[in-house]
C-alpha atoms as a PDB file:
ATOM      1  CA  GLU A   1     -16.084 -21.926  14.887  1.00  0.00           C
ATOM      2  CA  ASN A   2     -15.429 -24.895  12.596  1.00  0.00           C
ATOM      3  CA  VAL A   3     -18.324 -27.379  12.761  1.00  0.00           C
ATOM      4  CA  ASN A   4     -18.288 -30.468  10.530  1.00  0.00           C
ATOM      5  CA  GLY A   5     -15.955 -28.747   8.067  1.00  0.00           C
ATOM      6  CA  GLU A   6     -18.188 -25.680   7.804  1.00  0.00           C
ATOM      7  CA  LEU A   7     -17.063 -22.334   9.172  1.00  0.00           C
ATOM      8  CA  ILE A   8     -19.694 -20.689  11.372  1.00  0.00           C
ATOM      9  CA  ILE A   9     -19.176 -17.024  12.199  1.00  0.00           C
ATOM     10  CA  GLU A  10     -21.268 -15.352  14.885  1.00  0.00           C
ATOM     11  CA  GLY A  11     -21.366 -11.935  16.520  1.00  0.00           C
ATOM     12  CA  HIS A  12     -20.659  -9.788  13.476  1.00  0.00           C
ATOM     13  CA  SER A  13     -22.794  -6.717  12.929  1.00  0.00           C
ATOM     14  CA  CYS A  14     -22.140  -6.291   9.209  1.00  0.00           C
ATOM     15  CA  LYS A  15     -21.196  -8.341   6.150  1.00  0.00           C
ATOM     16  CA  ARG A  16     -17.637  -6.934   6.153  1.00  0.00           C
ATOM     17  CA  GLY A  17     -17.111  -8.338   9.658  1.00  0.00           C
ATOM     18  CA  GLU A  18     -18.103 -11.788   8.460  1.00  0.00           C
ATOM     19  CA  VAL A  19     -15.768 -11.558   5.447  1.00  0.00           C
ATOM     20  CA  TYR A  20     -12.892 -10.334   7.651  1.00  0.00           C
ATOM     21  CA  ALA A  21     -13.398 -13.141  10.190  1.00  0.00           C
ATOM     22  CA  ARG A  22     -13.583 -15.790   7.448  1.00  0.00           C
ATOM     23  CA  ASP A  23     -10.397 -14.490   5.787  1.00  0.00           C
ATOM     24  CA  GLU A  24      -8.622 -14.217   9.152  1.00  0.00           C
ATOM     25  CA  PHE A  25      -9.479 -17.837   9.967  1.00  0.00           C
ATOM     26  CA  ILE A  26      -8.585 -19.261   6.539  1.00  0.00           C
ATOM     27  CA  SER A  27      -5.655 -17.081   5.446  1.00  0.00           C
ATOM     28  CA  PRO A  28      -4.539 -14.329   7.857  1.00  0.00           C
ATOM     29  CA  LYS A  29      -2.860 -11.306   6.245  1.00  0.00           C
ATOM     30  CA  ARG A  30      -1.245  -8.147   7.564  1.00  0.00           C
ATOM     31  CA  ILE A  31      -0.107  -4.766   6.272  1.00  0.00           C
ATOM     32  CA  LEU A  32       3.647  -4.675   6.896  1.00  0.00           C
ATOM     33  CA  THR A  33       5.255  -1.521   8.300  1.00  0.00           C
ATOM     34  CA  THR A  34       8.993  -1.250   8.879  1.00  0.00           C
ATOM     35  CA  THR A  35      12.000   0.875   7.905  1.00  0.00           C
ATOM     36  CA  MET A  36      14.469   0.660   5.039  1.00  0.00           C
ATOM     37  CA  ARG A  37      18.077   1.867   4.811  1.00  0.00           C
ATOM     38  CA  VAL A  38      18.738   4.993   2.752  1.00  0.00           C
ATOM     39  CA  GLU A  39      21.889   5.990   0.917  1.00  0.00           C
ATOM     40  CA  ASN A  40      22.725   9.711   0.744  1.00  0.00           C
ATOM     41  CA  GLY A  41      19.601  10.635   2.696  1.00  0.00           C
ATOM     42  CA  PHE A  42      19.001  13.337   5.293  1.00  0.00           C
ATOM     43  CA  LEU A  43      18.058  10.420   7.598  1.00  0.00           C
ATOM     44  CA  PRO A  44      19.597   6.908   7.580  1.00  0.00           C
ATOM     45  CA  LEU A  45      16.209   5.126   7.476  1.00  0.00           C
ATOM     46  CA  ILE A  46      12.848   5.726   5.837  1.00  0.00           C
ATOM     47  CA  PRO A  47       9.518   4.292   7.039  1.00  0.00           C
ATOM     48  CA  VAL A  48       7.921   1.950   4.502  1.00  0.00           C
ATOM     49  CA  ARG A  49       4.806  -0.197   4.258  1.00  0.00           C
ATOM     50  CA  SER A  50       3.222  -2.744   1.983  1.00  0.00           C
ATOM     51  CA  ASN A  51       0.542  -1.368  -0.323  1.00  0.00           C
ATOM     52  CA  SER A  52      -1.591  -4.441   0.326  1.00  0.00           C
ATOM     53  CA  ALA A  53      -1.881  -7.129   2.987  1.00  0.00           C
ATOM     54  CA  ILE A  54       0.807  -9.828   2.970  1.00  0.00           C
ATOM     55  CA  PRO A  55       0.054 -13.449   3.958  1.00  0.00           C
ATOM     56  CA  LYS A  56       1.167 -13.855   7.573  1.00  0.00           C
ATOM     57  CA  GLU A  57       3.464 -16.775   6.745  1.00  0.00           C
ATOM     58  CA  ARG A  58       5.429 -14.562   4.290  1.00  0.00           C
ATOM     59  CA  LEU A  59       6.057 -11.632   6.684  1.00  0.00           C
ATOM     60  CA  ARG A  60       9.495 -12.765   7.941  1.00  0.00           C
ATOM     61  CA  ALA A  61      10.740 -13.470   4.411  1.00  0.00           C
ATOM     62  CA  THR A  62       9.495 -10.045   3.321  1.00  0.00           C
ATOM     63  CA  LEU A  63      11.336  -8.391   6.224  1.00  0.00           C
ATOM     64  CA  ARG A  64      14.536 -10.239   5.262  1.00  0.00           C
ATOM     65  CA  GLU A  65      14.153  -9.036   1.659  1.00  0.00           C
ATOM     66  CA  ILE A  66      13.668  -5.425   2.774  1.00  0.00           C
ATOM     67  CA  ALA A  67      16.713  -5.673   5.087  1.00  0.00           C
ATOM     68  CA  LYS A  68      18.908  -6.585   2.076  1.00  0.00           C
ATOM     69  CA  MET A  69      17.947  -3.415   0.200  1.00  0.00           C
ATOM     70  CA  LYS A  70      19.209   0.154   0.351  1.00  0.00           C
ATOM     71  CA  VAL A  71      17.474   2.963  -1.545  1.00  0.00           C
ATOM     72  CA  LYS A  72      18.853   6.306  -2.745  1.00  0.00           C
ATOM     73  CA  ALA A  73      17.465   9.670  -1.691  1.00  0.00           C
ATOM     74  CA  PRO A  74      15.541  11.757  -2.659  1.00  0.00           C
ATOM     75  CA  ILE A  75      12.366   9.753  -2.055  1.00  0.00           C
ATOM     76  CA  LYS A  76       8.746  10.908  -2.249  1.00  0.00           C
ATOM     77  CA  MET A  77       5.948   9.488  -0.119  1.00  0.00           C
ATOM     78  CA  GLY A  78       4.213   6.765  -2.136  1.00  0.00           C
ATOM     79  CA  ASP A  79       7.263   5.909  -4.267  1.00  0.00           C
ATOM     80  CA  VAL A  80       7.464   2.179  -4.981  1.00  0.00           C
ATOM     81  CA  LEU A  81      10.757   1.041  -3.447  1.00  0.00           C
ATOM     82  CA  ILE A  82      10.361  -2.701  -4.059  1.00  0.00           C
ATOM     83  CA  GLU A  83       8.023  -3.878  -6.794  1.00  0.00           C
ATOM     84  CA  HIS A  84       6.343  -7.300  -6.460  1.00  0.00           C
ATOM     85  CA  VAL A  85       8.197  -8.276  -3.291  1.00  0.00           C
ATOM     86  CA  LEU A  86       8.834 -12.062  -3.157  1.00  0.00           C
ATOM     87  CA  GLY A  87       6.974 -12.401  -6.468  1.00  0.00           C
ATOM     88  CA  LEU A  88       3.714 -11.325  -4.838  1.00  0.00           C
ATOM     89  CA  GLU A  89       1.448  -8.670  -6.350  1.00  0.00           C
ATOM     90  CA  ILE A  90       2.480  -6.429  -3.453  1.00  0.00           C
ATOM     91  CA  ASN A  91       4.776  -3.404  -3.493  1.00  0.00           C
ATOM     92  CA  ILE A  92       6.775  -1.824  -0.688  1.00  0.00           C
ATOM     93  CA  ILE A  93       6.199   1.936  -0.701  1.00  0.00           C
ATOM     94  CA  ALA A  94       7.685   4.935   1.100  1.00  0.00           C
ATOM     95  CA  SER A  95       5.591   6.325   3.960  1.00  0.00           C
ATOM     96  CA  ARG A  96       7.186   9.806   3.911  1.00  0.00           C
ATOM     97  CA  ASP A  97       9.317  12.144   1.818  1.00  0.00           C
ATOM     98  CA  LEU A  98      13.070  12.090   2.383  1.00  0.00           C
ATOM     99  CA  ILE A  99      15.466  14.649   0.939  1.00  0.00           C
ATOM    100  CA  GLU A 100      19.104  14.164   0.030  1.00  0.00           C
ATOM    101  CA  GLU A 101      21.799  14.887   2.552  1.00  0.00           C
ATOM    102  CA  ALA A 102      23.083  18.450   2.196  1.00  0.00           C
END
């Protein structure tokens, strides 16, 4: 609740809940999960995610950036596929291993 310019948060049972609610109200962020195209891979797509939360207003632009890219197999889970996406201090990483096509 925003009262006279001051944010009042009620109903939380721990300090982390208060911090989360404050951040969600002021600047909502989300972990992004999607897929990315793979060249020469056993599968045509690989699941990926952001290694940190992305500001909600930058999610669509991040998805467009990922859609432009194509990575080469083999890929190991945790590999950084896009470093500092959109100039943010956030990387897009592989969520699974993917071997080359036989």
